[in-house]
Amino acid sequence: MSLPASLSAWLLVLLCAVSGAYCLSRARRSEREARGGAAGEALMGFGMAVMAVPPGIGPWGPAVLLAVFCGAALHALWLLRGGVHHAHHLVGSLAMAYMALTMTGGGGHGHGGGPPLVTGALLLYFAGYVLLGGARLVTAGGGAQPVAGGPSARPGDLTGACRLAMGIGMLAMLLSL
């Protein structure tokens, strides 16, 4: 038995919105140097939630999303000066801009999408990201050492799970192109 398409879309909206809210609260309580990354993840979560709304977001929606995610990509480029560990923000922002661009062509999710090579490359990237993130999340309780330069995990910190959820959401949206 499978879920109706609209129910699974609304569950994706909820997952992305909760992830965005968690990242926003993390940005508010983070130190200055970590605030930009958390704010970028919050923007990505809320943007993914808006983009996943089933009936669409109106004729103006794709153009607004395209502008927002192009701005997020510029912000991610700015964050890269602090280290290459922000490259995922850039890829995510560009992927969201790409999906918004495919929506402006009158297609939207499930109606043609973009060039198969670009979509395929993004699918491979996010599938790898999800698999690696899932493996890190599973081994996090087993005494795994934190990555040099990366965030240190505190008990009760859901950052890894939040990133994994947004990666899965990104995969779902790319598959629906």
C-alpha atoms as a PDB file:
ATOM      1  CA  MET A   1       0.000   0.000   0.000  1.00  0.00           C
ATOM      2  CA  SER A   2       1.440   3.368  -0.967  1.00  0.00           C
ATOM      3  CA  LEU A   3       0.642   6.856   0.228  1.00  0.00           C
ATOM      4  CA  PRO A   4      -1.364   9.142  -2.041  1.00  0.00           C
ATOM      5  CA  ALA A   5       0.898  11.590  -3.866  1.00  0.00           C
ATOM      6  CA  SER A   6      -0.563  14.628  -2.130  1.00  0.00           C
ATOM      7  CA  LEU A   7      -0.101  13.112   1.338  1.00  0.00           C
ATOM      8  CA  SER A   8       3.529  12.242   0.683  1.00  0.00           C
ATOM      9  CA  ALA A   9       4.086  15.763  -0.711  1.00  0.00           C
ATOM     10  CA  TRP A  10       2.597  17.329   2.429  1.00  0.00           C
ATOM     11  CA  LEU A  11       4.776  15.062   4.597  1.00  0.00           C
ATOM     12  CA  LEU A  12       7.793  16.341   2.655  1.00  0.00           C
ATOM     13  CA  VAL A  13       6.605  19.927   3.225  1.00  0.00           C
ATOM     14  CA  LEU A  14       6.334  19.220   6.950  1.00  0.00           C
ATOM     15  CA  LEU A  15       9.742  17.537   7.132  1.00  0.00           C
ATOM     16  CA  CYS A  16      11.445  20.419   5.328  1.00  0.00           C
ATOM     17  CA  ALA A  17       9.651  23.098   7.386  1.00  0.00           C
ATOM     18  CA  VAL A  18      10.594  21.408  10.676  1.00  0.00           C
ATOM     19  CA  SER A  19      14.197  21.095   9.488  1.00  0.00           C
ATOM     20  CA  GLY A  20      14.205  24.777   8.533  1.00  0.00           C
ATOM     21  CA  ALA A  21      12.774  25.773  11.913  1.00  0.00           C
ATOM     22  CA  TYR A  22      15.388  23.716  13.758  1.00  0.00           C
ATOM     23  CA  CYS A  23      18.200  25.283  11.716  1.00  0.00           C
ATOM     24  CA  LEU A  24      16.777  28.761  12.343  1.00  0.00           C
ATOM     25  CA  SER A  25      16.744  28.157  16.099  1.00  0.00           C
ATOM     26  CA  ARG A  26      20.309  26.811  15.846  1.00  0.00           C
ATOM     27  CA  ALA A  27      21.358  29.970  13.979  1.00  0.00           C
ATOM     28  CA  ARG A  28      19.914  32.139  16.737  1.00  0.00           C
ATOM     29  CA  ARG A  29      21.919  30.379  19.443  1.00  0.00           C
ATOM     30  CA  SER A  30      25.144  29.813  17.457  1.00  0.00           C
ATOM     31  CA  GLU A  31      28.356  31.750  17.658  1.00  0.00           C
ATOM     32  CA  ARG A  32      28.920  34.338  14.957  1.00  0.00           C
ATOM     33  CA  GLU A  33      31.090  32.177  12.666  1.00  0.00           C
ATOM     34  CA  ALA A  34      28.561  29.278  12.617  1.00  0.00           C
ATOM     35  CA  ARG A  35      25.510  31.511  12.246  1.00  0.00           C
ATOM     36  CA  GLY A  36      25.793  31.950   8.455  1.00  0.00           C
ATOM     37  CA  GLY A  37      25.838  28.221   7.738  1.00  0.00           C
ATOM     38  CA  ALA A  38      22.873  27.521  10.005  1.00  0.00           C
ATOM     39  CA  ALA A  39      20.927  30.418   8.465  1.00  0.00           C
ATOM     40  CA  GLY A  40      21.658  29.049   4.991  1.00  0.00           C
ATOM     41  CA  GLU A  41      20.360  25.643   6.032  1.00  0.00           C
ATOM     42  CA  ALA A  42      17.229  27.278   7.495  1.00  0.00           C
ATOM     43  CA  LEU A  43      16.627  29.107   4.213  1.00  0.00           C
ATOM     44  CA  MET A  44      17.108  25.851   2.334  1.00  0.00           C
ATOM     45  CA  GLY A  45      14.641  24.003   4.584  1.00  0.00           C
ATOM     46  CA  PHE A  46      11.935  26.648   4.259  1.00  0.00           C
ATOM     47  CA  GLY A  47      12.532  27.002   0.520  1.00  0.00           C
ATOM     48  CA  MET A  48      12.286  23.244   0.055  1.00  0.00           C
ATOM     49  CA  ALA A  49       9.040  23.262   2.033  1.00  0.00           C
ATOM     50  CA  VAL A  50       7.559  25.951  -0.231  1.00  0.00           C
ATOM     51  CA  MET A  51       8.770  24.186  -3.367  1.00  0.00           C
ATOM     52  CA  ALA A  52       7.281  20.841  -2.256  1.00  0.00           C
ATOM     53  CA  VAL A  53       3.717  22.207  -1.832  1.00  0.00           C
ATOM     54  CA  PRO A  54       1.608  19.887  -4.044  1.00  0.00           C
ATOM     55  CA  PRO A  55      -0.699  22.128  -6.101  1.00  0.00           C
ATOM     56  CA  GLY A  56       2.031  24.633  -6.889  1.00  0.00           C
ATOM     57  CA  ILE A  57       2.687  28.082  -5.576  1.00  0.00           C
ATOM     58  CA  GLY A  58       1.141  30.253  -8.223  1.00  0.00           C
ATOM     59  CA  PRO A  59       2.560  31.683 -11.441  1.00  0.00           C
ATOM     60  CA  TRP A  60       4.826  34.102  -9.535  1.00  0.00           C
ATOM     61  CA  GLY A  61       6.277  31.397  -7.274  1.00  0.00           C
ATOM     62  CA  PRO A  62       8.997  29.889  -9.470  1.00  0.00           C
ATOM     63  CA  ALA A  63      10.463  33.306 -10.332  1.00  0.00           C
ATOM     64  CA  VAL A  64      10.551  34.319  -6.653  1.00  0.00           C
ATOM     65  CA  LEU A  65      12.125  30.987  -5.694  1.00  0.00           C
ATOM     66  CA  LEU A  66      14.692  31.362  -8.459  1.00  0.00           C
ATOM     67  CA  ALA A  67      15.660  34.807  -7.159  1.00  0.00           C
ATOM     68  CA  VAL A  68      15.823  33.612  -3.541  1.00  0.00           C
ATOM     69  CA  PHE A  69      18.000  30.605  -4.358  1.00  0.00           C
ATOM     70  CA  CYS A  70      20.296  32.587  -6.638  1.00  0.00           C
ATOM     71  CA  GLY A  71      20.777  34.903  -3.658  1.00  0.00           C
ATOM     72  CA  ALA A  72      21.393  31.878  -1.441  1.00  0.00           C
ATOM     73  CA  ALA A  73      23.989  30.624  -3.932  1.00  0.00           C
ATOM     74  CA  LEU A  74      25.778  33.992  -3.740  1.00  0.00           C
ATOM     75  CA  HIS A  75      25.670  33.754   0.061  1.00  0.00           C
ATOM     76  CA  ALA A  76      27.121  30.233  -0.139  1.00  0.00           C
ATOM     77  CA  LEU A  77      29.924  31.546  -2.360  1.00  0.00           C
ATOM     78  CA  TRP A  78      30.633  34.136   0.322  1.00  0.00           C
ATOM     79  CA  LEU A  79      30.727  31.384   2.975  1.00  0.00           C
ATOM     80  CA  LEU A  80      33.295  29.434   0.933  1.00  0.00           C
ATOM     81  CA  ARG A  81      35.932  31.935   1.988  1.00  0.00           C
ATOM     82  CA  GLY A  82      35.622  30.358   5.446  1.00  0.00           C
ATOM     83  CA  GLY A  83      36.408  26.872   4.154  1.00  0.00           C
ATOM     84  CA  VAL A  84      35.432  24.278   1.616  1.00  0.00           C
ATOM     85  CA  HIS A  85      33.050  22.624   4.095  1.00  0.00           C
ATOM     86  CA  HIS A  86      30.448  25.181   2.929  1.00  0.00           C
ATOM     87  CA  ALA A  87      30.483  23.796  -0.631  1.00  0.00           C
ATOM     88  CA  HIS A  88      27.390  21.704   0.094  1.00  0.00           C
ATOM     89  CA  HIS A  89      25.426  24.914   0.706  1.00  0.00           C
ATOM     90  CA  LEU A  90      26.451  26.101  -2.737  1.00  0.00           C
ATOM     91  CA  VAL A  91      25.443  22.821  -4.407  1.00  0.00           C
ATOM     92  CA  GLY A  92      22.118  22.801  -2.546  1.00  0.00           C
ATOM     93  CA  SER A  93      21.351  26.410  -3.457  1.00  0.00           C
ATOM     94  CA  LEU A  94      22.213  25.821  -7.090  1.00  0.00           C
ATOM     95  CA  ALA A  95      20.067  22.654  -7.126  1.00  0.00           C
ATOM     96  CA  MET A  96      17.101  24.570  -5.741  1.00  0.00           C
ATOM     97  CA  ALA A  97      17.656  27.381  -8.279  1.00  0.00           C
ATOM     98  CA  TYR A  98      17.808  24.728 -11.011  1.00  0.00           C
ATOM     99  CA  MET A  99      14.509  23.208  -9.879  1.00  0.00           C
ATOM    100  CA  ALA A 100      12.898  26.661  -9.723  1.00  0.00           C
ATOM    101  CA  LEU A 101      14.213  27.369 -13.220  1.00  0.00           C
ATOM    102  CA  THR A 102      12.631  24.163 -14.536  1.00  0.00           C
ATOM    103  CA  MET A 103       9.351  25.285 -12.959  1.00  0.00           C
ATOM    104  CA  THR A 104       9.470  28.660 -14.754  1.00  0.00           C
ATOM    105  CA  GLY A 105       9.408  26.822 -18.078  1.00  0.00           C
ATOM    106  CA  GLY A 106       5.833  25.787 -17.370  1.00  0.00           C
ATOM    107  CA  GLY A 107       6.853  22.302 -16.338  1.00  0.00           C
ATOM    108  CA  GLY A 108       6.952  22.075 -12.590  1.00  0.00           C
ATOM    109  CA  HIS A 109       7.497  18.862 -10.689  1.00  0.00           C
ATOM    110  CA  GLY A 110       6.759  15.800 -12.746  1.00  0.00           C
ATOM    111  CA  HIS A 111       6.337  17.694 -16.036  1.00  0.00           C
ATOM    112  CA  GLY A 112       9.499  17.465 -18.096  1.00  0.00           C
ATOM    113  CA  GLY A 113      12.117  18.771 -15.703  1.00  0.00           C
ATOM    114  CA  GLY A 114      15.478  19.960 -16.886  1.00  0.00           C
ATOM    115  CA  PRO A 115      18.362  18.448 -18.826  1.00  0.00           C
ATOM    116  CA  PRO A 116      18.759  14.785 -17.815  1.00  0.00           C
ATOM    117  CA  LEU A 117      22.532  15.139 -17.396  1.00  0.00           C
ATOM    118  CA  VAL A 118      22.177  17.952 -14.843  1.00  0.00           C
ATOM    119  CA  THR A 119      19.345  16.196 -13.020  1.00  0.00           C
ATOM    120  CA  GLY A 120      21.320  12.936 -13.005  1.00  0.00           C
ATOM    121  CA  ALA A 121      24.454  14.619 -11.645  1.00  0.00           C
ATOM    122  CA  LEU A 122      22.439  16.253  -8.861  1.00  0.00           C
ATOM    123  CA  LEU A 123      20.734  12.937  -8.078  1.00  0.00           C
ATOM    124  CA  LEU A 124      24.131  11.231  -7.793  1.00  0.00           C
ATOM    125  CA  TYR A 125      25.486  14.002  -5.566  1.00  0.00           C
ATOM    126  CA  PHE A 126      22.530  13.958  -3.175  1.00  0.00           C
ATOM    127  CA  ALA A 127      22.320  10.153  -3.126  1.00  0.00           C
ATOM    128  CA  GLY A 128      25.976  10.065  -2.095  1.00  0.00           C
ATOM    129  CA  TYR A 129      25.395  12.841   0.432  1.00  0.00           C
ATOM    130  CA  VAL A 130      22.459  10.963   1.973  1.00  0.00           C
ATOM    131  CA  LEU A 131      24.354   7.659   2.121  1.00  0.00           C
ATOM    132  CA  LEU A 132      27.425   9.284   3.671  1.00  0.00           C
ATOM    133  CA  GLY A 133      25.309  11.359   6.066  1.00  0.00           C
ATOM    134  CA  GLY A 134      23.327   8.293   7.101  1.00  0.00           C
ATOM    135  CA  ALA A 135      26.507   6.323   7.741  1.00  0.00           C
ATOM    136  CA  ARG A 136      27.903   9.179   9.845  1.00  0.00           C
ATOM    137  CA  LEU A 137      24.661   9.449  11.777  1.00  0.00           C
ATOM    138  CA  VAL A 138      24.620   5.721  12.515  1.00  0.00           C
ATOM    139  CA  THR A 139      28.250   5.698  13.671  1.00  0.00           C
ATOM    140  CA  ALA A 140      27.985   8.953  15.649  1.00  0.00           C
ATOM    141  CA  GLY A 141      27.023   7.109  18.818  1.00  0.00           C
ATOM    142  CA  GLY A 142      29.800   4.567  18.393  1.00  0.00           C
ATOM    143  CA  GLY A 143      32.699   6.801  19.384  1.00  0.00           C
ATOM    144  CA  ALA A 144      33.377   8.236  15.940  1.00  0.00           C
ATOM    145  CA  GLN A 145      35.848  11.116  15.971  1.00  0.00           C
ATOM    146  CA  PRO A 146      34.561  14.511  14.814  1.00  0.00           C
ATOM    147  CA  VAL A 147      35.785  15.747  11.448  1.00  0.00           C
ATOM    148  CA  ALA A 148      38.546  18.340  11.677  1.00  0.00           C
ATOM    149  CA  GLY A 149      37.086  21.789  11.088  1.00  0.00           C
ATOM    150  CA  GLY A 150      33.541  20.451  11.242  1.00  0.00           C
ATOM    151  CA  PRO A 151      30.948  21.064  13.924  1.00  0.00           C
ATOM    152  CA  SER A 152      31.251  19.118  17.121  1.00  0.00           C
ATOM    153  CA  ALA A 153      28.180  17.114  18.015  1.00  0.00           C
ATOM    154  CA  ARG A 154      26.615  17.785  21.384  1.00  0.00           C
ATOM    155  CA  PRO A 155      24.160  15.434  23.056  1.00  0.00           C
ATOM    156  CA  GLY A 156      20.685  16.202  21.770  1.00  0.00           C
ATOM    157  CA  ASP A 157      22.035  18.032  18.704  1.00  0.00           C
ATOM    158  CA  LEU A 158      19.921  17.098  15.696  1.00  0.00           C
ATOM    159  CA  THR A 159      22.059  18.835  13.079  1.00  0.00           C
ATOM    160  CA  GLY A 160      23.118  15.597  11.361  1.00  0.00           C
ATOM    161  CA  ALA A 161      19.551  14.306  11.266  1.00  0.00           C
ATOM    162  CA  CYS A 162      18.336  17.674   9.968  1.00  0.00           C
ATOM    163  CA  ARG A 163      20.881  17.677   7.156  1.00  0.00           C
ATOM    164  CA  LEU A 164      20.044  14.074   6.309  1.00  0.00           C
ATOM    165  CA  ALA A 165      16.319  14.869   6.189  1.00  0.00           C
ATOM    166  CA  MET A 166      16.918  17.814   3.853  1.00  0.00           C
ATOM    167  CA  GLY A 167      19.161  15.646   1.652  1.00  0.00           C
ATOM    168  CA  ILE A 168      16.402  13.028   1.400  1.00  0.00           C
ATOM    169  CA  GLY A 169      13.911  15.804   0.611  1.00  0.00           C
ATOM    170  CA  MET A 170      16.190  17.095  -2.125  1.00  0.00           C
ATOM    171  CA  LEU A 171      16.407  13.599  -3.606  1.00  0.00           C
ATOM    172  CA  ALA A 172      12.619  13.295  -3.569  1.00  0.00           C
ATOM    173  CA  MET A 173      12.163  16.632  -5.328  1.00  0.00           C
ATOM    174  CA  LEU A 174      14.807  15.851  -7.952  1.00  0.00           C
ATOM    175  CA  LEU A 175      13.163  12.498  -8.629  1.00  0.00           C
ATOM    176  CA  SER A 176       9.861  14.272  -9.226  1.00  0.00           C
ATOM    177  CA  LEU A 177      11.297  16.508 -11.975  1.00  0.00           C
END
